[in-house]
C-alpha atoms as a PDB file:
ATOM      1  CA  MET A   1     -15.154 -57.047  83.463  1.00  0.00           C
ATOM      2  CA  LYS A   2     -18.092 -55.880  86.775  1.00  0.00           C
ATOM      3  CA  ASN A   3     -20.772 -56.902  86.263  1.00  0.00           C
ATOM      4  CA  LEU A   4     -23.044 -53.916  87.092  1.00  0.00           C
ATOM      5  CA  LYS A   5     -26.094 -56.363  86.191  1.00  0.00           C
ATOM      6  CA  MET A   6     -25.624 -58.449  88.525  1.00  0.00           C
ATOM      7  CA  LYS A   7     -25.540 -55.696  90.761  1.00  0.00           C
ATOM      8  CA  ALA A   8     -28.408 -53.639  89.974  1.00  0.00           C
ATOM      9  CA  ALA A   9     -30.762 -56.903  90.291  1.00  0.00           C
ATOM     10  CA  ARG A  10     -29.538 -57.370  93.893  1.00  0.00           C
ATOM     11  CA  ALA A  11     -30.396 -53.267  94.767  1.00  0.00           C
ATOM     12  CA  GLY A  12     -33.800 -54.087  93.074  1.00  0.00           C
ATOM     13  CA  LYS A  13     -34.545 -56.510  95.083  1.00  0.00           C
ATOM     14  CA  ASP A  14     -33.334 -54.750  98.275  1.00  0.00           C
ATOM     15  CA  TRP A  15     -30.637 -56.912  98.800  1.00  0.00           C
ATOM     16  CA  SER A  16     -27.195 -56.656 100.695  1.00  0.00           C
ATOM     17  CA  GLN A  17     -24.042 -58.709  99.094  1.00  0.00           C
ATOM     18  CA  GLN A  18     -24.650 -60.650 102.790  1.00  0.00           C
ATOM     19  CA  GLU A  19     -28.044 -61.348 101.720  1.00  0.00           C
ATOM     20  CA  LEU A  20     -27.594 -62.849  97.865  1.00  0.00           C
ATOM     21  CA  ALA A  21     -25.134 -64.590  99.633  1.00  0.00           C
ATOM     22  CA  ASN A  22     -26.813 -66.904 102.347  1.00  0.00           C
ATOM     23  CA  GLN A  23     -29.338 -67.448  99.385  1.00  0.00           C
ATOM     24  CA  VAL A  24     -26.462 -69.216  96.919  1.00  0.00           C
ATOM     25  CA  GLY A  25     -24.768 -70.958  99.498  1.00  0.00           C
ATOM     26  CA  VAL A  26     -21.295 -68.899  99.201  1.00  0.00           C
ATOM     27  CA  SER A  27     -20.053 -66.364 101.008  1.00  0.00           C
ATOM     28  CA  ARG A  28     -20.131 -62.813 100.857  1.00  0.00           C
ATOM     29  CA  GLN A  29     -17.051 -62.184  99.399  1.00  0.00           C
ATOM     30  CA  THR A  30     -17.738 -64.218  96.449  1.00  0.00           C
ATOM     31  CA  ILE A  31     -20.062 -62.206  95.441  1.00  0.00           C
ATOM     32  CA  SER A  32     -18.260 -58.879  95.491  1.00  0.00           C
ATOM     33  CA  ALA A  33     -15.242 -60.420  93.649  1.00  0.00           C
ATOM     34  CA  ILE A  34     -18.314 -61.307  90.734  1.00  0.00           C
ATOM     35  CA  GLU A  35     -19.808 -57.799  91.275  1.00  0.00           C
ATOM     36  CA  LYS A  36     -16.229 -56.473  90.703  1.00  0.00           C
ATOM     37  CA  GLY A  37     -14.864 -58.256  87.952  1.00  0.00           C
ATOM     38  CA  ASN A  38     -12.152 -59.993  90.266  1.00  0.00           C
ATOM     39  CA  TYR A  39     -13.957 -63.979  89.758  1.00  0.00           C
ATOM     40  CA  ASN A  40     -15.497 -65.838  86.972  1.00  0.00           C
ATOM     41  CA  PRO A  41     -18.389 -67.889  88.633  1.00  0.00           C
ATOM     42  CA  SER A  42     -19.298 -71.131  87.795  1.00  0.00           C
ATOM     43  CA  VAL A  43     -21.743 -72.017  85.409  1.00  0.00           C
ATOM     44  CA  ASP A  44     -24.388 -74.057  88.867  1.00  0.00           C
ATOM     45  CA  LEU A  45     -23.387 -70.667  90.960  1.00  0.00           C
ATOM     46  CA  CYS A  46     -24.335 -68.268  88.039  1.00  0.00           C
ATOM     47  CA  ILE A  47     -27.597 -70.941  87.683  1.00  0.00           C
ATOM     48  CA  LYS A  48     -27.947 -70.539  91.340  1.00  0.00           C
ATOM     49  CA  ILE A  49     -27.932 -66.463  91.672  1.00  0.00           C
ATOM     50  CA  CYS A  50     -30.334 -65.763  88.726  1.00  0.00           C
ATOM     51  CA  GLN A  51     -33.342 -68.076  90.300  1.00  0.00           C
ATOM     52  CA  ALA A  52     -32.258 -65.978  93.756  1.00  0.00           C
ATOM     53  CA  LEU A  53     -33.020 -62.627  91.251  1.00  0.00           C
ATOM     54  CA  ASP A  54     -35.255 -64.084  89.221  1.00  0.00           C
ATOM     55  CA  LYS A  55     -33.201 -63.382  85.753  1.00  0.00           C
ATOM     56  CA  THR A  56     -31.755 -65.445  83.083  1.00  0.00           C
ATOM     57  CA  LEU A  57     -28.217 -66.000  82.482  1.00  0.00           C
ATOM     58  CA  ASN A  58     -28.452 -63.369  79.815  1.00  0.00           C
ATOM     59  CA  ASP A  59     -30.412 -60.667  82.319  1.00  0.00           C
ATOM     60  CA  LEU A  60     -26.763 -61.098  84.053  1.00  0.00           C
ATOM     61  CA  PHE A  61     -24.475 -62.034  82.697  1.00  0.00           C
ATOM     62  CA  TRP A  62     -24.335 -62.121  78.448  1.00  0.00           C
ATOM     63  CA  PRO A  63     -22.681 -59.361  77.622  1.00  0.00           C
ATOM     64  CA  ASP A  64     -24.089 -56.665  75.983  1.00  0.00           C
ATOM     65  CA  SER A  65     -23.459 -56.118  72.273  1.00  0.00           C
END
């Protein structure tokens, strides 16, 4: 499942995938794979992404009902 919420939050900060990757210590390809739904990040990585984007886990990673 694509993570459009994460992509939108990243765009809201006007960050490229590379800029977010640098903030959380992963490759740009990892960020791309998460946004495309091809990679399920660890809880630790989810938390780092949320902190970098000023969002909660529910905001970015909880499926909509």
